[in-house]
C-alpha atoms as a PDB file:
ATOM      1  CA  MET A   1      -3.386 -51.651  61.804  1.00  0.00           C
ATOM      2  CA  LYS A   2      -1.854 -51.452  58.355  1.00  0.00           C
ATOM      3  CA  LEU A   3       1.189 -53.447  57.303  1.00  0.00           C
ATOM      4  CA  LEU A   4       3.390 -53.408  54.211  1.00  0.00           C
ATOM      5  CA  VAL A   5       5.192 -56.632  53.283  1.00  0.00           C
ATOM      6  CA  VAL A   6       8.098 -56.179  50.856  1.00  0.00           C
ATOM      7  CA  GLU A   7       9.300 -59.640  49.854  1.00  0.00           C
ATOM      8  CA  ASP A   8      10.164 -61.033  46.425  1.00  0.00           C
ATOM      9  CA  ASP A   9       9.447 -64.667  47.260  1.00  0.00           C
ATOM     10  CA  GLU A  10       5.749 -65.000  46.545  1.00  0.00           C
ATOM     11  CA  THR A  11       5.216 -67.979  48.828  1.00  0.00           C
ATOM     12  CA  THR A  12       6.786 -66.206  51.801  1.00  0.00           C
ATOM     13  CA  ARG A  13       5.067 -62.909  51.024  1.00  0.00           C
ATOM     14  CA  THR A  14       1.638 -64.539  50.746  1.00  0.00           C
ATOM     15  CA  TYR A  15       2.216 -66.542  53.923  1.00  0.00           C
ATOM     16  CA  ILE A  16       3.033 -63.402  55.915  1.00  0.00           C
ATOM     17  CA  ALA A  17       0.200 -61.374  54.414  1.00  0.00           C
ATOM     18  CA  LYS A  18      -2.337 -64.134  55.063  1.00  0.00           C
ATOM     19  CA  GLY A  19      -1.196 -64.510  58.666  1.00  0.00           C
ATOM     20  CA  PHE A  20      -1.512 -60.802  59.463  1.00  0.00           C
ATOM     21  CA  ALA A  21      -4.831 -60.543  57.621  1.00  0.00           C
ATOM     22  CA  GLU A  22      -6.187 -63.346  59.793  1.00  0.00           C
ATOM     23  CA  GLU A  23      -5.179 -61.262  62.810  1.00  0.00           C
ATOM     24  CA  GLY A  24      -7.289 -58.368  61.518  1.00  0.00           C
ATOM     25  CA  TRP A  25      -4.565 -56.332  59.838  1.00  0.00           C
ATOM     26  CA  THR A  26      -4.849 -54.575  56.495  1.00  0.00           C
ATOM     27  CA  VAL A  27      -1.901 -55.766  54.417  1.00  0.00           C
ATOM     28  CA  ASP A  28      -0.356 -54.399  51.231  1.00  0.00           C
ATOM     29  CA  GLN A  29       2.303 -56.343  49.365  1.00  0.00           C
ATOM     30  CA  ALA A  30       5.244 -55.447  47.146  1.00  0.00           C
ATOM     31  CA  GLY A  31       7.353 -57.942  45.219  1.00  0.00           C
ATOM     32  CA  ASP A  32      10.431 -55.768  44.615  1.00  0.00           C
ATOM     33  CA  GLY A  33      12.339 -52.939  46.246  1.00  0.00           C
ATOM     34  CA  ARG A  34      11.210 -50.190  43.910  1.00  0.00           C
ATOM     35  CA  GLU A  35       7.514 -50.940  44.424  1.00  0.00           C
ATOM     36  CA  GLY A  36       8.138 -51.298  48.155  1.00  0.00           C
ATOM     37  CA  MET A  37       9.844 -47.903  48.263  1.00  0.00           C
ATOM     38  CA  PHE A  38       6.947 -46.307  46.396  1.00  0.00           C
ATOM     39  CA  LEU A  39       4.303 -47.710  48.729  1.00  0.00           C
ATOM     40  CA  ALA A  40       6.300 -47.146  51.934  1.00  0.00           C
ATOM     41  CA  SER A  41       6.965 -43.510  50.999  1.00  0.00           C
ATOM     42  CA  SER A  42       3.289 -42.768  51.585  1.00  0.00           C
ATOM     43  CA  GLY A  43       3.995 -43.040  55.329  1.00  0.00           C
ATOM     44  CA  GLU A  44       0.567 -44.581  55.890  1.00  0.00           C
ATOM     45  CA  TYR A  45       1.743 -47.889  57.374  1.00  0.00           C
ATOM     46  CA  ASP A  46       2.018 -48.829  61.036  1.00  0.00           C
ATOM     47  CA  ALA A  47       4.884 -51.218  60.286  1.00  0.00           C
ATOM     48  CA  ILE A  48       6.883 -52.660  57.403  1.00  0.00           C
ATOM     49  CA  VAL A  49       8.280 -56.162  56.958  1.00  0.00           C
ATOM     50  CA  LEU A  50      11.242 -55.766  54.612  1.00  0.00           C
ATOM     51  CA  ASP A  51      13.288 -58.454  52.911  1.00  0.00           C
ATOM     52  CA  ARG A  52      16.939 -57.585  52.290  1.00  0.00           C
ATOM     53  CA  MET A  53      17.708 -59.262  48.980  1.00  0.00           C
ATOM     54  CA  LEU A  54      15.154 -57.704  46.663  1.00  0.00           C
ATOM     55  CA  PRO A  55      15.135 -57.201  42.900  1.00  0.00           C
ATOM     56  CA  GLU A  56      15.114 -53.666  41.471  1.00  0.00           C
ATOM     57  CA  MET A  57      16.302 -52.094  44.742  1.00  0.00           C
ATOM     58  CA  GLU A  58      18.116 -53.843  47.606  1.00  0.00           C
ATOM     59  CA  GLY A  59      16.265 -53.833  50.933  1.00  0.00           C
ATOM     60  CA  LEU A  60      18.819 -51.737  52.815  1.00  0.00           C
ATOM     61  CA  LYS A  61      18.707 -49.098  50.069  1.00  0.00           C
ATOM     62  CA  VAL A  62      14.946 -48.965  50.461  1.00  0.00           C
ATOM     63  CA  LEU A  63      15.392 -48.525  54.191  1.00  0.00           C
ATOM     64  CA  ALA A  64      18.073 -45.847  53.846  1.00  0.00           C
ATOM     65  CA  GLY A  65      15.880 -43.980  51.363  1.00  0.00           C
ATOM     66  CA  LEU A  66      12.911 -44.014  53.716  1.00  0.00           C
ATOM     67  CA  ARG A  67      14.918 -42.749  56.671  1.00  0.00           C
ATOM     68  CA  ALA A  68      16.551 -40.052  54.547  1.00  0.00           C
ATOM     69  CA  THR A  69      13.119 -38.707  53.639  1.00  0.00           C
ATOM     70  CA  GLY A  70      11.905 -38.711  57.223  1.00  0.00           C
ATOM     71  CA  ILE A  71       9.731 -41.825  57.034  1.00  0.00           C
ATOM     72  CA  ASN A  72      10.138 -43.369  60.477  1.00  0.00           C
ATOM     73  CA  THR A  73       7.696 -46.246  60.158  1.00  0.00           C
ATOM     74  CA  PRO A  74       8.929 -49.191  62.262  1.00  0.00           C
ATOM     75  CA  VAL A  75      10.735 -51.678  60.000  1.00  0.00           C
ATOM     76  CA  ILE A  76      11.567 -55.278  60.761  1.00  0.00           C
ATOM     77  CA  ILE A  77      14.147 -56.710  58.386  1.00  0.00           C
ATOM     78  CA  LEU A  78      13.582 -60.271  57.270  1.00  0.00           C
ATOM     79  CA  SER A  79      16.630 -61.976  55.833  1.00  0.00           C
ATOM     80  CA  ALA A  80      18.495 -65.205  55.225  1.00  0.00           C
ATOM     81  CA  LEU A  81      21.698 -63.279  56.014  1.00  0.00           C
ATOM     82  CA  ASP A  82      22.033 -64.297  59.639  1.00  0.00           C
ATOM     83  CA  ALA A  83      25.631 -63.381  60.506  1.00  0.00           C
ATOM     84  CA  VAL A  84      26.056 -60.922  63.376  1.00  0.00           C
ATOM     85  CA  ASP A  85      27.765 -58.402  61.078  1.00  0.00           C
ATOM     86  CA  GLU A  86      24.823 -58.531  58.678  1.00  0.00           C
ATOM     87  CA  ARG A  87      22.322 -58.021  61.460  1.00  0.00           C
ATOM     88  CA  ILE A  88      24.284 -55.066  62.823  1.00  0.00           C
ATOM     89  CA  LYS A  89      24.485 -53.613  59.328  1.00  0.00           C
ATOM     90  CA  GLY A  90      20.727 -53.849  58.944  1.00  0.00           C
ATOM     91  CA  LEU A  91      20.051 -52.200  62.288  1.00  0.00           C
ATOM     92  CA  LYS A  92      22.570 -49.434  61.630  1.00  0.00           C
ATOM     93  CA  GLN A  93      20.834 -48.626  58.362  1.00  0.00           C
ATOM     94  CA  GLY A  94      17.712 -47.791  60.329  1.00  0.00           C
ATOM     95  CA  GLY A  95      16.028 -51.151  60.865  1.00  0.00           C
ATOM     96  CA  ASP A  96      14.146 -51.426  64.151  1.00  0.00           C
ATOM     97  CA  ASP A  97      14.458 -55.202  64.396  1.00  0.00           C
ATOM     98  CA  TYR A  98      16.022 -58.066  62.446  1.00  0.00           C
ATOM     99  CA  LEU A  99      14.564 -61.541  62.073  1.00  0.00           C
ATOM    100  CA  CYS A 100      16.447 -64.322  60.301  1.00  0.00           C
ATOM    101  CA  LYS A 101      14.895 -66.845  57.922  1.00  0.00           C
ATOM    102  CA  PRO A 102      13.541 -69.413  58.440  1.00  0.00           C
ATOM    103  CA  PHE A 103      11.212 -67.773  60.922  1.00  0.00           C
ATOM    104  CA  SER A 104       8.061 -68.554  62.828  1.00  0.00           C
ATOM    105  CA  PHE A 105       5.018 -66.434  62.002  1.00  0.00           C
ATOM    106  CA  ALA A 106       4.102 -66.240  65.696  1.00  0.00           C
ATOM    107  CA  GLU A 107       7.481 -64.668  66.473  1.00  0.00           C
ATOM    108  CA  LEU A 108       7.207 -62.243  63.572  1.00  0.00           C
ATOM    109  CA  LEU A 109       3.745 -61.149  64.726  1.00  0.00           C
ATOM    110  CA  VAL A 110       4.908 -60.549  68.298  1.00  0.00           C
ATOM    111  CA  ARG A 111       7.974 -58.617  67.173  1.00  0.00           C
ATOM    112  CA  VAL A 112       5.925 -56.340  64.928  1.00  0.00           C
ATOM    113  CA  GLU A 113       3.424 -55.698  67.726  1.00  0.00           C
ATOM    114  CA  ILE A 114       6.285 -54.815  70.089  1.00  0.00           C
ATOM    115  CA  LEU A 115       7.789 -52.406  67.554  1.00  0.00           C
ATOM    116  CA  ILE A 116       4.510 -50.560  67.217  1.00  0.00           C
ATOM    117  CA  ARG A 117       3.967 -50.465  70.966  1.00  0.00           C
ATOM    118  CA  ARG A 118       7.519 -49.223  71.524  1.00  0.00           C
ATOM    119  CA  GLY A 119       7.058 -46.532  68.895  1.00  0.00           C
ATOM    120  CA  ASN A 120       3.854 -45.283  70.501  1.00  0.00           C
ATOM    121  CA  THR A 121       5.490 -45.232  73.918  1.00  0.00           C
ATOM    122  CA  ALA A 122       8.539 -43.379  72.621  1.00  0.00           C
ATOM    123  CA  GLN A 123       6.345 -40.708  71.076  1.00  0.00           C
ATOM    124  CA  GLU A 124       4.528 -40.083  74.308  1.00  0.00           C
ATOM    125  CA  LYS A 125       7.303 -40.476  76.860  1.00  0.00           C
ATOM    126  CA  THR A 126       9.091 -37.329  77.944  1.00  0.00           C
ATOM    127  CA  GLN A 127       9.891 -38.376  81.488  1.00  0.00           C
ATOM    128  CA  ILE A 128      10.429 -41.480  83.584  1.00  0.00           C
ATOM    129  CA  LYS A 129       9.435 -41.706  87.230  1.00  0.00           C
ATOM    130  CA  VAL A 130      10.091 -44.093  90.051  1.00  0.00           C
ATOM    131  CA  ASP A 131       9.154 -43.189  93.597  1.00  0.00           C
ATOM    132  CA  ASN A 132      10.505 -39.697  94.292  1.00  0.00           C
ATOM    133  CA  LEU A 133      12.863 -39.677  91.299  1.00  0.00           C
ATOM    134  CA  THR A 134      11.918 -38.004  88.019  1.00  0.00           C
ATOM    135  CA  MET A 135      14.050 -38.105  84.887  1.00  0.00           C
ATOM    136  CA  LYS A 136      13.156 -35.483  82.262  1.00  0.00           C
ATOM    137  CA  LEU A 137      14.274 -36.905  78.936  1.00  0.00           C
ATOM    138  CA  LEU A 138      14.078 -33.761  76.819  1.00  0.00           C
ATOM    139  CA  SER A 139      16.066 -31.535  79.147  1.00  0.00           C
ATOM    140  CA  HIS A 140      18.371 -34.317  80.435  1.00  0.00           C
ATOM    141  CA  GLN A 141      17.608 -33.484  84.050  1.00  0.00           C
ATOM    142  CA  VAL A 142      17.094 -35.732  87.064  1.00  0.00           C
ATOM    143  CA  PHE A 143      15.206 -34.641  90.156  1.00  0.00           C
ATOM    144  CA  LEU A 144      15.005 -36.303  93.553  1.00  0.00           C
ATOM    145  CA  GLU A 145      12.813 -34.940  96.334  1.00  0.00           C
ATOM    146  CA  GLY A 146      12.315 -31.869  94.145  1.00  0.00           C
ATOM    147  CA  GLY A 147      16.027 -31.066  93.908  1.00  0.00           C
ATOM    148  CA  GLU A 148      18.127 -31.569  90.799  1.00  0.00           C
ATOM    149  CA  VAL A 149      20.806 -34.268  90.775  1.00  0.00           C
ATOM    150  CA  ALA A 150      23.859 -33.276  88.716  1.00  0.00           C
ATOM    151  CA  LEU A 151      24.864 -36.252  86.551  1.00  0.00           C
ATOM    152  CA  GLN A 152      27.569 -36.718  83.970  1.00  0.00           C
ATOM    153  CA  PRO A 153      26.270 -37.724  80.492  1.00  0.00           C
ATOM    154  CA  ARG A 154      27.323 -41.366  80.932  1.00  0.00           C
ATOM    155  CA  GLU A 155      25.712 -41.508  84.375  1.00  0.00           C
ATOM    156  CA  PHE A 156      22.511 -40.134  82.857  1.00  0.00           C
ATOM    157  CA  GLN A 157      22.534 -42.832  80.155  1.00  0.00           C
ATOM    158  CA  LEU A 158      23.224 -45.514  82.726  1.00  0.00           C
ATOM    159  CA  LEU A 159      20.404 -44.370  84.986  1.00  0.00           C
ATOM    160  CA  ARG A 160      18.023 -44.058  82.054  1.00  0.00           C
ATOM    161  CA  TYR A 161      18.680 -47.636  80.956  1.00  0.00           C
ATOM    162  CA  LEU A 162      18.127 -48.936  84.469  1.00  0.00           C
ATOM    163  CA  LEU A 163      14.949 -46.852  84.812  1.00  0.00           C
ATOM    164  CA  GLU A 164      13.582 -48.109  81.514  1.00  0.00           C
ATOM    165  CA  HIS A 165      14.134 -51.665  82.739  1.00  0.00           C
ATOM    166  CA  GLN A 166      13.271 -51.146  86.383  1.00  0.00           C
ATOM    167  CA  GLY A 167      12.643 -54.376  88.226  1.00  0.00           C
ATOM    168  CA  GLN A 168      14.767 -56.328  85.714  1.00  0.00           C
ATOM    169  CA  VAL A 169      18.238 -57.588  86.503  1.00  0.00           C
ATOM    170  CA  ILE A 170      20.570 -56.083  83.884  1.00  0.00           C
ATOM    171  CA  SER A 171      23.833 -57.877  83.192  1.00  0.00           C
ATOM    172  CA  ARG A 172      27.123 -56.059  82.763  1.00  0.00           C
ATOM    173  CA  THR A 173      27.220 -57.322  79.163  1.00  0.00           C
ATOM    174  CA  LEU A 174      23.909 -55.626  78.410  1.00  0.00           C
ATOM    175  CA  LEU A 175      25.062 -52.397  80.043  1.00  0.00           C
ATOM    176  CA  PHE A 176      28.272 -52.416  78.028  1.00  0.00           C
ATOM    177  CA  GLU A 177      26.249 -52.738  74.823  1.00  0.00           C
ATOM    178  CA  ALA A 178      23.452 -50.339  75.703  1.00  0.00           C
ATOM    179  CA  VAL A 179      25.373 -47.544  77.433  1.00  0.00           C
ATOM    180  CA  TRP A 180      28.929 -47.793  76.125  1.00  0.00           C
ATOM    181  CA  GLY A 181      28.218 -49.340  72.726  1.00  0.00           C
ATOM    182  CA  TYR A 182      30.726 -52.139  73.353  1.00  0.00           C
ATOM    183  CA  HIS A 183      29.996 -55.555  71.895  1.00  0.00           C
ATOM    184  CA  PHE A 184      32.671 -57.187  74.007  1.00  0.00           C
ATOM    185  CA  ASP A 185      33.690 -57.217  77.646  1.00  0.00           C
ATOM    186  CA  PRO A 186      36.730 -54.909  78.031  1.00  0.00           C
ATOM    187  CA  GLY A 187      37.613 -56.789  81.199  1.00  0.00           C
ATOM    188  CA  SER A 188      37.639 -53.694  83.398  1.00  0.00           C
ATOM    189  CA  ASN A 189      35.629 -52.452  86.361  1.00  0.00           C
ATOM    190  CA  LEU A 190      34.301 -49.548  84.271  1.00  0.00           C
ATOM    191  CA  ILE A 191      30.652 -50.286  84.989  1.00  0.00           C
ATOM    192  CA  ASP A 192      31.181 -50.887  88.687  1.00  0.00           C
ATOM    193  CA  VAL A 193      32.945 -47.524  89.020  1.00  0.00           C
ATOM    194  CA  HIS A 194      30.174 -45.643  87.215  1.00  0.00           C
ATOM    195  CA  VAL A 195      27.412 -47.422  89.132  1.00  0.00           C
ATOM    196  CA  ALA A 196      29.176 -46.642  92.416  1.00  0.00           C
ATOM    197  CA  LYS A 197      29.380 -42.938  91.528  1.00  0.00           C
ATOM    198  CA  LEU A 198      25.765 -42.867  90.366  1.00  0.00           C
ATOM    199  CA  ARG A 199      24.545 -44.661  93.463  1.00  0.00           C
ATOM    200  CA  LYS A 200      26.480 -42.277  95.715  1.00  0.00           C
ATOM    201  CA  LYS A 201      24.887 -39.242  94.050  1.00  0.00           C
ATOM    202  CA  LEU A 202      21.391 -40.719  94.326  1.00  0.00           C
ATOM    203  CA  ASP A 203      21.907 -41.766  97.935  1.00  0.00           C
ATOM    204  CA  ARG A 204      23.092 -38.278  98.852  1.00  0.00           C
ATOM    205  CA  CYS A 205      19.967 -36.702  97.311  1.00  0.00           C
ATOM    206  CA  GLY A 206      17.379 -38.996  98.877  1.00  0.00           C
ATOM    207  CA  GLY A 207      17.384 -41.935  96.469  1.00  0.00           C
ATOM    208  CA  LYS A 208      18.987 -44.431  98.786  1.00  0.00           C
ATOM    209  CA  GLY A 209      18.337 -48.073  97.949  1.00  0.00           C
ATOM    210  CA  LEU A 210      17.200 -47.603  94.349  1.00  0.00           C
ATOM    211  CA  ILE A 211      20.081 -49.470  92.659  1.00  0.00           C
ATOM    212  CA  HIS A 212      20.871 -52.984  93.856  1.00  0.00           C
ATOM    213  CA  THR A 213      23.862 -55.158  93.005  1.00  0.00           C
ATOM    214  CA  ILE A 214      23.105 -58.740  92.061  1.00  0.00           C
ATOM    215  CA  ARG A 215      26.359 -60.480  92.811  1.00  0.00           C
ATOM    216  CA  GLY A 216      27.903 -62.200  89.801  1.00  0.00           C
ATOM    217  CA  VAL A 217      25.150 -60.972  87.457  1.00  0.00           C
ATOM    218  CA  GLY A 218      24.681 -57.216  87.298  1.00  0.00           C
ATOM    219  CA  TYR A 219      22.348 -54.538  88.642  1.00  0.00           C
ATOM    220  CA  VAL A 220      18.664 -53.856  89.133  1.00  0.00           C
ATOM    221  CA  LEU A 221      16.798 -50.644  89.882  1.00  0.00           C
ATOM    222  CA  ARG A 222      13.810 -51.186  92.109  1.00  0.00           C
ATOM    223  CA  GLY A 223      11.183 -48.711  93.221  1.00  0.00           C
ATOM    224  CA  SER A 224       8.780 -49.352  96.058  1.00  0.00           C
ATOM    225  CA  SER A 225       6.356 -51.064  93.664  1.00  0.00           C
ATOM    226  CA  SER A 226       8.843 -53.242  91.761  1.00  0.00           C
END
């Protein structure tokens, strides 16, 4: 694996590079945004650790430039700016993860590994299956027992999120964020209504018992093996 570390603080940069090298990674380093942009533009890295406050070119400008030129290398932003608004800003600019300073190297390593794994999975995955249900991601179709289930776009997104986290209890707060893009609880029964409609459609087509309500918490989708 090959990593690029773009960080102006030499102590921090060397610490990260040394840690990844000890784990068997090949690591290149850049001490400012312009050099980081130049190296990252090669597209030869498996992941990039990117500081935000860089000389020559600010970290988010580096990130925006990479995304604009089609470089989709996973990027984890490393920053002392830890406010929620700052983290959201970083992710909206194209960051795949955001880790605040001070940080633990062990956590950084795990997060980078997850980003790479997630990227590989996303490239390969075109459908999700559980029992007799198949969701085709490219065509936005859902099939149960061989027949197509007609879903509204929001129902499709809801089912996809539950499928991607099958076996895990998903809270209403998480569903609001992931499916509706809300970062607050609107205090309505919006989710319950959509889940009820989705469950009814699945039940009618042979998918009875896939979605379970966990009272006071949220929902979980369970197949026969989860």
